[in-house]
Amino acid sequence: MLTVRDIMTREVISVSPETEIVQAAKLLLEKGVNGLPVIDRDGGLVGIICQSDLIAQQKNLPLPSLFRFLDGFIPLTSMKHLEKEVQKIAAATVAQAMSPDPVSVRPGTSVAEVAALMVDRGFHTLPVVEEGRLVGIVGKEDVLRTLMVVPETAG
């Protein structure tokens, strides 16, 4: 059975929460990756910053829809959601735009489980964590490469 350990990238390109958004975007483009793990000074995984997080900065602020009820207006979008959108659009550092506490996998996780997570939850990149520290990363391309392995024939 193939596991994450067999297919993960061990030399991970990562950023810190203090990294400027422009630098993170540059790394994503130059390295051709979809996401970068965000690690603290101790090597612990604290978030992930993906292309979609940076693209959020380019979208217009959604104004909440209003519902009129008994001479009053009730917003249909929560203020917390609106506040989060504003923060992502105005982000200057990775900490302000990243997705905190990302889903991660262990080195012993099966490739089948990783594939299911990617399909079911729409993930392109999953950090690999062991004993609280980032040890690798696995992407859709890594999983796809497993399909190209030709089984040996007995002869």
Protein backbone atom coordinates (compact mmCIF):
# COMPACT_ATOMS: atom_id res chain seq x y z
CA MET A 1 0.00 0.00 0.00
CA LEU A 2 1.38 3.38 -1.01
CA THR A 3 1.47 6.01 1.72
CA VAL A 4 2.08 9.74 1.86
CA ARG A 5 5.67 9.01 2.93
CA ASP A 6 6.23 7.37 -0.48
CA ILE A 7 5.02 10.31 -2.57
CA MET A 8 5.40 13.50 -0.49
CA THR A 9 7.81 16.31 -1.23
CA ARG A 10 10.24 16.59 1.67
CA GLU A 11 11.89 19.87 0.69
CA VAL A 12 8.94 22.11 1.42
CA ILE A 13 8.77 25.73 0.39
CA SER A 14 7.07 27.48 3.28
CA VAL A 15 6.46 30.97 4.62
CA SER A 16 6.04 32.54 8.03
CA PRO A 17 2.95 34.43 9.20
CA GLU A 18 4.97 37.67 8.90
CA THR A 19 5.82 37.13 5.22
CA GLU A 20 4.46 39.90 3.00
CA ILE A 21 1.62 38.94 0.65
CA VAL A 22 3.61 40.08 -2.39
CA GLN A 23 6.47 37.72 -1.48
CA ALA A 24 4.04 34.79 -0.99
CA ALA A 25 2.44 35.47 -4.38
CA LYS A 26 5.87 35.61 -6.00
CA LEU A 27 6.83 32.23 -4.47
CA LEU A 28 3.57 30.61 -5.59
CA LEU A 29 4.12 31.77 -9.16
CA GLU A 30 7.87 31.14 -9.40
CA LYS A 31 7.69 27.66 -7.89
CA GLY A 32 4.48 26.69 -9.71
CA VAL A 33 2.73 25.53 -6.56
CA ASN A 34 -0.86 26.02 -5.45
CA GLY A 35 -0.25 26.43 -1.74
CA LEU A 36 2.43 27.20 0.82
CA PRO A 37 2.41 25.92 4.39
CA VAL A 38 2.72 28.67 6.98
CA ILE A 39 4.99 27.68 9.84
CA ASP A 40 5.92 29.33 13.12
CA ARG A 41 9.46 29.76 14.44
CA ASP A 42 9.40 26.24 15.93
CA GLY A 43 8.46 24.57 12.63
CA GLY A 44 4.84 24.06 13.67
CA LEU A 45 2.14 24.31 11.04
CA VAL A 46 -0.13 27.31 11.72
CA GLY A 47 -1.84 27.77 8.37
CA ILE A 48 -1.72 27.47 4.63
CA ILE A 49 -1.80 30.21 2.00
CA CYS A 50 -3.17 29.24 -1.40
CA GLN A 51 -3.58 30.97 -4.70
CA SER A 52 -7.29 31.32 -3.95
CA ASP A 53 -6.51 33.22 -0.73
CA LEU A 54 -4.50 35.74 -2.75
CA ILE A 55 -7.07 35.95 -5.51
CA ALA A 56 -9.59 36.96 -2.82
CA GLN A 57 -7.75 40.27 -2.63
CA GLN A 58 -8.87 41.07 -6.15
CA LYS A 59 -12.58 40.60 -5.60
CA ASN A 60 -15.05 43.28 -4.73
CA LEU A 61 -16.38 43.50 -1.22
CA PRO A 62 -19.78 41.77 -1.12
CA LEU A 63 -22.36 44.06 0.36
CA PRO A 64 -24.77 42.23 2.61
CA SER A 65 -28.23 41.64 1.27
CA LEU A 66 -30.91 43.24 3.39
CA PHE A 67 -34.29 41.92 4.35
CA ARG A 68 -36.97 44.39 5.38
CA PHE A 69 -39.13 43.27 8.28
CA LEU A 70 -41.52 45.43 10.34
CA ASP A 71 -39.92 48.77 9.38
CA GLY A 72 -36.42 47.42 9.99
CA PHE A 73 -33.66 45.91 7.94
CA ILE A 74 -32.10 42.58 8.77
CA PRO A 75 -28.77 41.75 7.10
CA LEU A 76 -28.67 38.31 5.54
CA THR A 77 -24.87 38.15 5.73
CA SER A 78 -23.27 38.01 9.15
CA MET A 79 -20.99 40.81 10.23
CA LYS A 80 -18.30 38.25 11.11
CA HIS A 81 -18.29 36.96 7.52
CA LEU A 82 -18.13 40.52 6.18
CA GLU A 83 -15.27 41.34 8.54
CA LYS A 84 -13.33 38.26 7.36
CA GLU A 85 -13.83 39.26 3.71
CA VAL A 86 -12.53 42.78 4.41
CA GLN A 87 -9.48 41.38 6.20
CA LYS A 88 -8.57 39.10 3.27
CA ILE A 89 -8.99 41.87 0.72
CA ALA A 90 -6.83 44.28 2.74
CA ALA A 91 -4.20 41.72 3.82
CA ALA A 92 -0.59 42.83 3.88
CA THR A 93 0.90 39.73 5.50
CA VAL A 94 0.35 36.00 5.13
CA ALA A 95 -1.17 35.84 8.63
CA GLN A 96 -4.01 38.09 7.49
CA ALA A 97 -4.88 36.07 4.37
CA MET A 98 -3.99 32.46 5.25
CA SER A 99 -6.41 29.71 6.18
CA PRO A 100 -5.53 28.92 9.80
CA ASP A 101 -5.38 25.38 11.22
CA PRO A 102 -5.34 23.60 7.86
CA VAL A 103 -6.23 19.98 7.37
CA SER A 104 -3.04 17.95 7.35
CA VAL A 105 -2.07 14.31 6.96
CA ARG A 106 0.55 12.05 8.54
CA PRO A 107 3.33 10.29 6.61
CA GLY A 108 1.61 6.93 7.15
CA THR A 109 -1.71 8.05 5.64
CA SER A 110 -2.64 5.99 2.59
CA VAL A 111 -2.63 7.58 -0.84
CA ALA A 112 -6.26 6.46 -1.21
CA GLU A 113 -7.23 8.49 1.88
CA VAL A 114 -5.38 11.53 0.53
CA ALA A 115 -7.12 11.19 -2.84
CA ALA A 116 -10.50 11.01 -1.10
CA LEU A 117 -9.73 14.12 0.97
CA MET A 118 -8.68 16.03 -2.13
CA VAL A 119 -11.77 15.07 -4.08
CA ASP A 120 -14.32 15.34 -1.27
CA ARG A 121 -13.03 18.58 0.24
CA GLY A 122 -11.54 20.25 -2.85
CA PHE A 123 -7.96 20.35 -1.56
CA HIS A 124 -5.07 20.73 -3.99
CA THR A 125 -2.29 20.64 -1.40
CA LEU A 126 -2.05 18.93 1.99
CA PRO A 127 0.72 19.56 4.53
CA VAL A 128 2.30 16.46 6.07
CA VAL A 129 2.82 16.73 9.82
CA GLU A 130 4.59 14.38 12.22
CA GLU A 131 4.92 15.05 15.95
CA GLY A 132 3.62 18.60 15.49
CA ARG A 133 6.20 19.57 12.86
CA LEU A 134 5.89 20.03 9.12
CA VAL A 135 7.82 17.21 7.39
CA GLY A 136 6.48 17.39 3.85
CA ILE A 137 3.71 18.32 1.50
CA VAL A 138 1.59 16.30 -0.91
CA GLY A 139 -0.23 17.74 -3.91
CA LYS A 140 -2.61 16.49 -6.56
CA GLU A 141 0.33 16.02 -8.92
CA ASP A 142 1.98 13.65 -6.43
CA VAL A 143 -1.18 11.54 -6.26
CA LEU A 144 -1.56 11.63 -10.05
CA ARG A 145 2.01 10.34 -10.52
CA THR A 146 1.04 7.15 -8.67
CA LEU A 147 -1.25 6.30 -11.60
CA MET A 148 1.74 6.34 -13.95
CA VAL A 149 3.63 3.65 -12.06
CA VAL A 150 3.60 0.55 -14.21
CA PRO A 151 3.36 -2.67 -12.16
CA GLU A 152 6.18 -5.13 -12.72
CA THR A 153 5.21 -8.23 -14.65
CA ALA A 154 6.28 -11.65 -13.55
CA GLY A 155 8.40 -13.27 -16.13
